[in-house]
PDB file of N, CA and C in Angstrom:
ATOM      1  N   UNK A   1      11.292   4.873 -10.681  1.00  0.00           N
ATOM      2  CA  UNK A   1      10.460   3.898  -9.992  1.00  0.00           C
ATOM      3  C   UNK A   1       9.074   3.810 -10.602  1.00  0.00           C
ATOM      4  N   UNK A   2       8.654   4.814 -11.340  1.00  0.00           N
ATOM      5  CA  UNK A   2       7.286   4.790 -11.856  1.00  0.00           C
ATOM      6  C   UNK A   2       7.023   3.552 -12.704  1.00  0.00           C
ATOM      7  N   UNK A   3       8.043   3.055 -13.421  1.00  0.00           N
ATOM      8  CA  UNK A   3       7.867   1.828 -14.188  1.00  0.00           C
ATOM      9  C   UNK A   3       7.601   0.639 -13.286  1.00  0.00           C
ATOM     10  N   UNK A   4       8.276   0.595 -12.170  1.00  0.00           N
ATOM     11  CA  UNK A   4       8.068  -0.482 -11.207  1.00  0.00           C
ATOM     12  C   UNK A   4       6.666  -0.385 -10.610  1.00  0.00           C
ATOM     13  N   UNK A   5       6.234   0.809 -10.263  1.00  0.00           N
ATOM     14  CA  UNK A   5       4.898   0.995  -9.699  1.00  0.00           C
ATOM     15  C   UNK A   5       3.850   0.564 -10.712  1.00  0.00           C
ATOM     16  N   UNK A   6       4.053   0.915 -11.967  1.00  0.00           N
ATOM     17  CA  UNK A   6       3.133   0.506 -13.033  1.00  0.00           C
ATOM     18  C   UNK A   6       3.082  -1.018 -13.126  1.00  0.00           C
ATOM     19  N   UNK A   7       4.223  -1.665 -13.035  1.00  0.00           N
ATOM     20  CA  UNK A   7       4.275  -3.131 -13.090  1.00  0.00           C
ATOM     21  C   UNK A   7       3.558  -3.753 -11.897  1.00  0.00           C
ATOM     22  N   UNK A   8       3.739  -3.167 -10.728  1.00  0.00           N
ATOM     23  CA  UNK A   8       3.058  -3.666  -9.530  1.00  0.00           C
ATOM     24  C   UNK A   8       1.553  -3.581  -9.719  1.00  0.00           C
ATOM     25  N   UNK A   9       1.082  -2.438 -10.182  1.00  0.00           N
ATOM     26  CA  UNK A   9      -0.356  -2.243 -10.384  1.00  0.00           C
ATOM     27  C   UNK A   9      -0.902  -3.212 -11.428  1.00  0.00           C
ATOM     28  N   UNK A  10      -0.213  -3.349 -12.532  1.00  0.00           N
ATOM     29  CA  UNK A  10      -0.677  -4.249 -13.596  1.00  0.00           C
ATOM     30  C   UNK A  10      -0.720  -5.695 -13.134  1.00  0.00           C
ATOM     31  N   UNK A  11       0.312  -6.127 -12.406  1.00  0.00           N
ATOM     32  CA  UNK A  11       0.333  -7.504 -11.894  1.00  0.00           C
ATOM     33  C   UNK A  11      -0.801  -7.721 -10.886  1.00  0.00           C
ATOM     34  N   UNK A  12      -1.033  -6.738 -10.037  1.00  0.00           N
ATOM     35  CA  UNK A  12      -2.105  -6.849  -9.036  1.00  0.00           C
ATOM     36  C   UNK A  12      -3.469  -6.968  -9.707  1.00  0.00           C
ATOM     37  N   UNK A  13      -3.680  -6.174 -10.733  1.00  0.00           N
ATOM     38  CA  UNK A  13      -4.954  -6.224 -11.461  1.00  0.00           C
ATOM     39  C   UNK A  13      -5.098  -7.556 -12.180  1.00  0.00           C
ATOM     40  N   UNK A  14      -4.046  -7.973 -12.847  1.00  0.00           N
ATOM     41  CA  UNK A  14      -4.084  -9.236 -13.595  1.00  0.00           C
ATOM     42  C   UNK A  14      -4.357 -10.421 -12.677  1.00  0.00           C
ATOM     43  N   UNK A  15      -3.778 -10.401 -11.497  1.00  0.00           N
ATOM     44  CA  UNK A  15      -3.920 -11.520 -10.560  1.00  0.00           C
ATOM     45  C   UNK A  15      -5.119 -11.359  -9.625  1.00  0.00           C
ATOM     46  N   UNK A  16      -5.851 -10.265  -9.767  1.00  0.00           N
ATOM     47  CA  UNK A  16      -7.053 -10.009  -8.972  1.00  0.00           C
ATOM     48  C   UNK A  16      -6.757 -10.114  -7.471  1.00  0.00           C
ATOM     49  N   UNK A  17      -5.734  -9.381  -7.032  1.00  0.00           N
ATOM     50  CA  UNK A  17      -5.324  -9.440  -5.626  1.00  0.00           C
ATOM     51  C   UNK A  17      -6.266  -8.651  -4.731  1.00  0.00           C
ATOM     52  N   UNK A  18      -6.252  -8.970  -3.461  1.00  0.00           N
ATOM     53  CA  UNK A  18      -7.028  -8.245  -2.464  1.00  0.00           C
ATOM     54  C   UNK A  18      -6.195  -7.152  -1.797  1.00  0.00           C
ATOM     55  N   UNK A  19      -4.873  -7.343  -1.774  1.00  0.00           N
ATOM     56  CA  UNK A  19      -3.986  -6.452  -1.029  1.00  0.00           C
ATOM     57  C   UNK A  19      -2.715  -6.195  -1.833  1.00  0.00           C
ATOM     58  N   UNK A  20      -2.261  -4.951  -1.781  1.00  0.00           N
ATOM     59  CA  UNK A  20      -0.920  -4.606  -2.253  1.00  0.00           C
ATOM     60  C   UNK A  20      -0.201  -4.026  -1.047  1.00  0.00           C
ATOM     61  N   UNK A  21       0.972  -4.556  -0.771  1.00  0.00           N
ATOM     62  CA  UNK A  21       1.782  -4.050   0.324  1.00  0.00           C
ATOM     63  C   UNK A  21       3.092  -3.524  -0.246  1.00  0.00           C
ATOM     64  N   UNK A  22       3.361  -2.268   0.021  1.00  0.00           N
ATOM     65  CA  UNK A  22       4.611  -1.659  -0.417  1.00  0.00           C
ATOM     66  C   UNK A  22       5.555  -1.549   0.765  1.00  0.00           C
ATOM     67  N   UNK A  23       6.782  -1.980   0.577  1.00  0.00           N
ATOM     68  CA  UNK A  23       7.813  -1.811   1.587  1.00  0.00           C
ATOM     69  C   UNK A  23       8.808  -0.808   1.021  1.00  0.00           C
ATOM     70  N   UNK A  24       8.831   0.372   1.615  1.00  0.00           N
ATOM     71  CA  UNK A  24       9.612   1.471   1.054  1.00  0.00           C
ATOM     72  C   UNK A  24      10.673   1.898   2.052  1.00  0.00           C
ATOM     73  N   UNK A  25      11.910   1.895   1.593  1.00  0.00           N
ATOM     74  CA  UNK A  25      13.033   2.242   2.455  1.00  0.00           C
ATOM     75  C   UNK A  25      13.841   3.412   1.903  1.00  0.00           C
ATOM     76  N   UNK A  26      13.338   4.046   0.855  1.00  0.00           N
ATOM     77  CA  UNK A  26      14.104   5.088   0.181  1.00  0.00           C
ATOM     78  C   UNK A  26      13.715   6.498   0.581  1.00  0.00           C
ATOM     79  N   UNK A  27      12.644   6.638   1.349  1.00  0.00           N
ATOM     80  CA  UNK A  27      12.169   7.973   1.685  1.00  0.00           C
ATOM     81  C   UNK A  27      11.190   8.528   0.666  1.00  0.00           C
ATOM     82  N   UNK A  28      10.873   7.764  -0.354  1.00  0.00           N
ATOM     83  CA  UNK A  28       9.958   8.224  -1.410  1.00  0.00           C
ATOM     84  C   UNK A  28       8.562   7.639  -1.239  1.00  0.00           C
ATOM     85  N   UNK A  29       8.161   7.395   0.000  1.00  0.00           N
ATOM     86  CA  UNK A  29       6.886   6.730   0.255  1.00  0.00           C
ATOM     87  C   UNK A  29       5.687   7.513  -0.262  1.00  0.00           C
ATOM     88  N   UNK A  30       5.728   8.834  -0.191  1.00  0.00           N
ATOM     89  CA  UNK A  30       4.597   9.604  -0.711  1.00  0.00           C
ATOM     90  C   UNK A  30       4.500   9.482  -2.234  1.00  0.00           C
ATOM     91  N   UNK A  31       5.613   9.625  -2.904  1.00  0.00           N
ATOM     92  CA  UNK A  31       5.609   9.584  -4.369  1.00  0.00           C
ATOM     93  C   UNK A  31       5.177   8.223  -4.894  1.00  0.00           C
ATOM     94  N   UNK A  32       5.756   7.156  -4.379  1.00  0.00           N
ATOM     95  CA  UNK A  32       5.419   5.813  -4.868  1.00  0.00           C
ATOM     96  C   UNK A  32       3.976   5.444  -4.555  1.00  0.00           C
ATOM     97  N   UNK A  33       3.552   5.784  -3.346  1.00  0.00           N
ATOM     98  CA  UNK A  33       2.192   5.450  -2.952  1.00  0.00           C
ATOM     99  C   UNK A  33       1.181   6.223  -3.798  1.00  0.00           C
ATOM    100  N   UNK A  34       1.438   7.502  -4.029  1.00  0.00           N
ATOM    101  CA  UNK A  34       0.519   8.294  -4.846  1.00  0.00           C
ATOM    102  C   UNK A  34       0.472   7.779  -6.276  1.00  0.00           C
ATOM    103  N   UNK A  35       1.616   7.388  -6.821  1.00  0.00           N
ATOM    104  CA  UNK A  35       1.638   6.814  -8.174  1.00  0.00           C
ATOM    105  C   UNK A  35       0.767   5.572  -8.235  1.00  0.00           C
ATOM    106  N   UNK A  36       0.906   4.700  -7.248  1.00  0.00           N
ATOM    107  CA  UNK A  36       0.121   3.467  -7.223  1.00  0.00           C
ATOM    108  C   UNK A  36      -1.369   3.783  -7.120  1.00  0.00           C
ATOM    109  N   UNK A  37      -1.725   4.669  -6.222  1.00  0.00           N
ATOM    110  CA  UNK A  37      -3.131   5.031  -6.049  1.00  0.00           C
ATOM    111  C   UNK A  37      -3.695   5.622  -7.339  1.00  0.00           C
ATOM    112  N   UNK A  38      -2.942   6.498  -7.970  1.00  0.00           N
ATOM    113  CA  UNK A  38      -3.408   7.119  -9.221  1.00  0.00           C
ATOM    114  C   UNK A  38      -3.665   6.072 -10.305  1.00  0.00           C
ATOM    115  N   UNK A  39      -2.764   5.116 -10.427  1.00  0.00           N
ATOM    116  CA  UNK A  39      -2.932   4.058 -11.432  1.00  0.00           C
ATOM    117  C   UNK A  39      -4.158   3.209 -11.114  1.00  0.00           C
ATOM    118  N   UNK A  40      -4.308   2.820  -9.851  1.00  0.00           N
ATOM    119  CA  UNK A  40      -5.453   1.989  -9.468  1.00  0.00           C
ATOM    120  C   UNK A  40      -6.768   2.725  -9.666  1.00  0.00           C
ATOM    121  N   UNK A  41      -6.779   4.024  -9.397  1.00  0.00           N
ATOM    122  CA  UNK A  41      -7.992   4.812  -9.634  1.00  0.00           C
ATOM    123  C   UNK A  41      -8.285   4.911 -11.124  1.00  0.00           C
ATOM    124  N   UNK A  42      -7.244   5.133 -11.919  1.00  0.00           N
ATOM    125  CA  UNK A  42      -7.405   5.220 -13.368  1.00  0.00           C
ATOM    126  C   UNK A  42      -7.987   3.925 -13.939  1.00  0.00           C
ATOM    127  N   UNK A  43      -7.565   2.809 -13.371  1.00  0.00           N
ATOM    128  CA  UNK A  43      -8.037   1.493 -13.823  1.00  0.00           C
ATOM    129  C   UNK A  43      -9.347   1.090 -13.141  1.00  0.00           C
ATOM    130  N   UNK A  44      -9.852   1.956 -12.268  1.00  0.00           N
ATOM    131  CA  UNK A  44     -11.121   1.746 -11.555  1.00  0.00           C
ATOM    132  C   UNK A  44     -11.116   0.502 -10.647  1.00  0.00           C
ATOM    133  N   UNK A  45      -9.988   0.245 -10.012  1.00  0.00           N
ATOM    134  CA  UNK A  45      -9.895  -0.886  -9.085  1.00  0.00           C
ATOM    135  C   UNK A  45      -9.440  -0.461  -7.691  1.00  0.00           C
ATOM    136  N   UNK A  46      -9.232   0.833  -7.501  1.00  0.00           N
ATOM    137  CA  UNK A  46      -8.710   1.316  -6.221  1.00  0.00           C
ATOM    138  C   UNK A  46      -9.586   0.880  -5.047  1.00  0.00           C
ATOM    139  N   UNK A  47     -10.894   0.943  -5.202  1.00  0.00           N
ATOM    140  CA  UNK A  47     -11.798   0.595  -4.103  1.00  0.00           C
ATOM    141  C   UNK A  47     -11.832  -0.898  -3.810  1.00  0.00           C
ATOM    142  N   UNK A  48     -11.231  -1.707  -4.680  1.00  0.00           N
ATOM    143  CA  UNK A  48     -11.255  -3.162  -4.509  1.00  0.00           C
ATOM    144  C   UNK A  48      -9.971  -3.729  -3.927  1.00  0.00           C
ATOM    145  N   UNK A  49      -8.958  -2.900  -3.775  1.00  0.00           N
ATOM    146  CA  UNK A  49      -7.644  -3.385  -3.332  1.00  0.00           C
ATOM    147  C   UNK A  49      -7.192  -2.601  -2.106  1.00  0.00           C
ATOM    148  N   UNK A  50      -6.901  -3.316  -1.039  1.00  0.00           N
ATOM    149  CA  UNK A  50      -6.358  -2.721   0.168  1.00  0.00           C
ATOM    150  C   UNK A  50      -4.874  -2.435  -0.046  1.00  0.00           C
ATOM    151  N   UNK A  51      -4.449  -1.242   0.317  1.00  0.00           N
ATOM    152  CA  UNK A  51      -3.026  -0.897   0.223  1.00  0.00           C
ATOM    153  C   UNK A  51      -2.484  -0.721   1.629  1.00  0.00           C
ATOM    154  N   UNK A  52      -1.407  -1.427   1.915  1.00  0.00           N
ATOM    155  CA  UNK A  52      -0.686  -1.227   3.171  1.00  0.00           C
ATOM    156  C   UNK A  52       0.748  -0.864   2.816  1.00  0.00           C
ATOM    157  N   UNK A  53       1.341  -0.045   3.661  1.00  0.00           N
ATOM    158  CA  UNK A  53       2.689   0.451   3.403  1.00  0.00           C
ATOM    159  C   UNK A  53       3.530   0.205   4.639  1.00  0.00           C
ATOM    160  N   UNK A  54       4.763  -0.155   4.409  1.00  0.00           N
ATOM    161  CA  UNK A  54       5.684  -0.358   5.510  1.00  0.00           C
ATOM    162  C   UNK A  54       7.078   0.066   5.114  1.00  0.00           C
ATOM    163  N   UNK A  55       7.971  -0.063   6.044  1.00  0.00           N
ATOM    164  CA  UNK A  55       9.353   0.294   5.772  1.00  0.00           C
ATOM    165  C   UNK A  55       9.817   1.376   6.717  1.00  0.00           C
ATOM    166  N   UNK A  56      10.837   2.074   6.301  1.00  0.00           N
ATOM    167  CA  UNK A  56      11.407   3.138   7.110  1.00  0.00           C
ATOM    168  C   UNK A  56      10.632   4.421   6.803  1.00  0.00           C
ATOM    169  N   UNK A  57       9.505   4.556   7.470  1.00  0.00           N
ATOM    170  CA  UNK A  57       8.615   5.683   7.252  1.00  0.00           C
ATOM    171  C   UNK A  57       8.435   6.404   8.586  1.00  0.00           C
ATOM    172  N   UNK A  58       8.714   7.691   8.620  1.00  0.00           N
ATOM    173  CA  UNK A  58       8.558   8.432   9.869  1.00  0.00           C
ATOM    174  C   UNK A  58       7.114   8.405  10.364  1.00  0.00           C
ATOM    175  N   UNK A  59       6.941   8.255  11.661  1.00  0.00           N
ATOM    176  CA  UNK A  59       5.601   8.174  12.255  1.00  0.00           C
ATOM    177  C   UNK A  59       4.750   9.388  11.896  1.00  0.00           C
ATOM    178  N   UNK A  60       5.361  10.545  11.738  1.00  0.00           N
ATOM    179  CA  UNK A  60       4.583  11.746  11.412  1.00  0.00           C
ATOM    180  C   UNK A  60       3.999  11.695   9.998  1.00  0.00           C
ATOM    181  N   UNK A  61       4.433  10.751   9.175  1.00  0.00           N
ATOM    182  CA  UNK A  61       3.901  10.614   7.817  1.00  0.00           C
ATOM    183  C   UNK A  61       2.753   9.611   7.727  1.00  0.00           C
ATOM    184  N   UNK A  62       2.510   8.861   8.782  1.00  0.00           N
ATOM    185  CA  UNK A  62       1.475   7.820   8.747  1.00  0.00           C
ATOM    186  C   UNK A  62       0.100   8.390   8.397  1.00  0.00           C
ATOM    187  N   UNK A  63      -0.286   9.463   9.077  1.00  0.00           N
ATOM    188  CA  UNK A  63      -1.628  10.017   8.872  1.00  0.00           C
ATOM    189  C   UNK A  63      -1.810  10.511   7.439  1.00  0.00           C
ATOM    190  N   UNK A  64      -0.828  11.172   6.894  1.00  0.00           N
ATOM    191  CA  UNK A  64      -0.947  11.670   5.513  1.00  0.00           C
ATOM    192  C   UNK A  64      -1.110  10.506   4.539  1.00  0.00           C
ATOM    193  N   UNK A  65      -0.376   9.425   4.749  1.00  0.00           N
ATOM    194  CA  UNK A  65      -0.516   8.249   3.889  1.00  0.00           C
ATOM    195  C   UNK A  65      -1.924   7.680   3.989  1.00  0.00           C
ATOM    196  N   UNK A  66      -2.468   7.646   5.193  1.00  0.00           N
ATOM    197  CA  UNK A  66      -3.835   7.155   5.369  1.00  0.00           C
ATOM    198  C   UNK A  66      -4.837   8.083   4.682  1.00  0.00           C
ATOM    199  N   UNK A  67      -4.609   9.377   4.755  1.00  0.00           N
ATOM    200  CA  UNK A  67      -5.477  10.333   4.082  1.00  0.00           C
ATOM    201  C   UNK A  67      -5.405  10.177   2.563  1.00  0.00           C
ATOM    202  N   UNK A  68      -4.269   9.723   2.065  1.00  0.00           N
ATOM    203  CA  UNK A  68      -4.113   9.483   0.629  1.00  0.00           C
ATOM    204  C   UNK A  68      -4.913   8.265   0.169  1.00  0.00           C
ATOM    205  N   UNK A  69      -5.216   7.363   1.116  1.00  0.00           N
ATOM    206  CA  UNK A  69      -5.972   6.171   0.764  1.00  0.00           C
ATOM    207  C   UNK A  69      -5.351   4.857   1.198  1.00  0.00           C
ATOM    208  N   UNK A  70      -4.242   4.929   1.912  1.00  0.00           N
ATOM    209  CA  UNK A  70      -3.597   3.725   2.432  1.00  0.00           C
ATOM    210  C   UNK A  70      -4.412   3.208   3.607  1.00  0.00           C
ATOM    211  N   UNK A  71      -4.607   1.905   3.660  1.00  0.00           N
ATOM    212  CA  UNK A  71      -5.360   1.314   4.759  1.00  0.00           C
ATOM    213  C   UNK A  71      -4.644   1.436   6.085  1.00  0.00           C
ATOM    214  N   UNK A  72      -3.352   1.099   6.086  1.00  0.00           N
ATOM    215  CA  UNK A  72      -2.568   1.199   7.308  1.00  0.00           C
ATOM    216  C   UNK A  72      -1.096   1.274   6.949  1.00  0.00           C
ATOM    217  N   UNK A  73      -0.322   1.779   7.896  1.00  0.00           N
ATOM    218  CA  UNK A  73       1.122   1.922   7.729  1.00  0.00           C
ATOM    219  C   UNK A  73       1.791   1.170   8.869  1.00  0.00           C
ATOM    220  N   UNK A  74       2.795   0.382   8.523  1.00  0.00           N
ATOM    221  CA  UNK A  74       3.526  -0.404   9.513  1.00  0.00           C
ATOM    222  C   UNK A  74       4.994   0.003   9.451  1.00  0.00           C
ATOM    223  N   UNK A  75       5.419   0.681  10.492  1.00  0.00           N
ATOM    224  CA  UNK A  75       6.785   1.181  10.542  1.00  0.00           C
ATOM    225  C   UNK A  75       7.755   0.166  11.108  1.00  0.00           C
ATOM    226  N   UNK A  76       8.982   0.602  11.316  1.00  0.00           N
ATOM    227  CA  UNK A  76      10.007  -0.273  11.872  1.00  0.00           C
ATOM    228  C   UNK A  76       9.554  -0.870  13.203  1.00  0.00           C
ATOM    229  N   UNK A  77       9.809  -2.149  13.367  1.00  0.00           N
ATOM    230  CA  UNK A  77       9.451  -2.834  14.602  1.00  0.00           C
ATOM    231  C   UNK A  77       8.052  -3.412  14.618  1.00  0.00           C
ATOM    232  N   UNK A  78       7.309  -3.215  13.540  1.00  0.00           N
ATOM    233  CA  UNK A  78       5.955  -3.779  13.490  1.00  0.00           C
ATOM    234  C   UNK A  78       6.024  -5.293  13.560  1.00  0.00           C
ATOM    235  N   UNK A  79       5.095  -5.858  14.285  1.00  0.00           N
ATOM    236  CA  UNK A  79       5.035  -7.304  14.413  1.00  0.00           C
ATOM    237  C   UNK A  79       4.294  -7.897  13.212  1.00  0.00           C
ATOM    238  N   UNK A  80       4.828  -8.947  12.663  1.00  0.00           N
ATOM    239  CA  UNK A  80       4.192  -9.614  11.532  1.00  0.00           C
ATOM    240  C   UNK A  80       2.772 -10.030  11.885  1.00  0.00           C
ATOM    241  N   UNK A  81       2.574 -10.508  13.088  1.00  0.00           N
ATOM    242  CA  UNK A  81       1.238 -10.942  13.499  1.00  0.00           C
ATOM    243  C   UNK A  81       0.243  -9.780  13.473  1.00  0.00           C
ATOM    244  N   UNK A  82       0.692  -8.565  13.798  1.00  0.00           N
ATOM    245  CA  UNK A  82      -0.189  -7.395  13.739  1.00  0.00           C
ATOM    246  C   UNK A  82      -0.561  -7.067  12.296  1.00  0.00           C
ATOM    247  N   UNK A  83       0.395  -7.199  11.413  1.00  0.00           N
ATOM    248  CA  UNK A  83       0.141  -6.932   9.995  1.00  0.00           C
ATOM    249  C   UNK A  83      -0.853  -7.956   9.446  1.00  0.00           C
ATOM    250  N   UNK A  84      -0.624  -9.213   9.749  1.00  0.00           N
ATOM    251  CA  UNK A  84      -1.516 -10.281   9.291  1.00  0.00           C
ATOM    252  C   UNK A  84      -2.918 -10.073   9.844  1.00  0.00           C
ATOM    253  N   UNK A  85      -3.018  -9.775  11.129  1.00  0.00           N
ATOM    254  CA  UNK A  85      -4.329  -9.553  11.751  1.00  0.00           C
ATOM    255  C   UNK A  85      -5.061  -8.396  11.083  1.00  0.00           C
ATOM    256  N   UNK A  86      -4.348  -7.322  10.805  1.00  0.00           N
ATOM    257  CA  UNK A  86      -4.972  -6.169  10.154  1.00  0.00           C
ATOM    258  C   UNK A  86      -5.495  -6.550   8.775  1.00  0.00           C
ATOM    259  N   UNK A  87      -4.665  -7.201   7.983  1.00  0.00           N
ATOM    260  CA  UNK A  87      -5.086  -7.590   6.629  1.00  0.00           C
ATOM    261  C   UNK A  87      -6.277  -8.527   6.695  1.00  0.00           C
ATOM    262  N   UNK A  88      -6.239  -9.498   7.582  1.00  0.00           N
ATOM    263  CA  UNK A  88      -7.376 -10.420   7.714  1.00  0.00           C
ATOM    264  C   UNK A  88      -8.650  -9.686   8.108  1.00  0.00           C
ATOM    265  N   UNK A  89      -8.531  -8.720   8.988  1.00  0.00           N
ATOM    266  CA  UNK A  89      -9.713  -7.985   9.432  1.00  0.00           C
ATOM    267  C   UNK A  89     -10.314  -7.129   8.319  1.00  0.00           C
ATOM    268  N   UNK A  90      -9.475  -6.710   7.393  1.00  0.00           N
ATOM    269  CA  UNK A  90      -9.948  -5.850   6.310  1.00  0.00           C
ATOM    270  C   UNK A  90     -10.399  -6.606   5.077  1.00  0.00           C
ATOM    271  N   UNK A  91      -9.951  -7.839   4.947  1.00  0.00           N
ATOM    272  CA  UNK A  91     -10.278  -8.609   3.749  1.00  0.00           C
ATOM    273  C   UNK A  91     -11.195  -9.788   4.031  1.00  0.00           C
ATOM    274  N   UNK A  92     -11.491 -10.028   5.296  1.00  0.00           N
ATOM    275  CA  UNK A  92     -12.330 -11.169   5.679  1.00  0.00           C
ATOM    276  C   UNK A  92     -11.748 -12.485   5.185  1.00  0.00           C
ATOM    277  N   UNK A  93     -10.430 -12.589   5.187  1.00  0.00           N
ATOM    278  CA  UNK A  93      -9.755 -13.808   4.731  1.00  0.00           C
ATOM    279  C   UNK A  93      -9.116 -14.512   5.904  1.00  0.00           C
TER     280      UNK A  93
END
């Protein structure tokens, strides 16, 4: 997956995005998220891009993901309107 994470980061930088949202259903949410954060930090854009994560992620992992640098985590059953509201509140868009 590291190649995919690298592609996500490169595309986000090239397109000057405000948000990257990862939807992870494989149980590898820590590994993929850390890879993305490391790449964004290496490229010196981490502070400019909001990262949100969703998918099948156990609630007990939410806090650790936030401590890693994720803005918010949206687990199963999250309402789209809540996700949109959160992103808008963080990006002023």
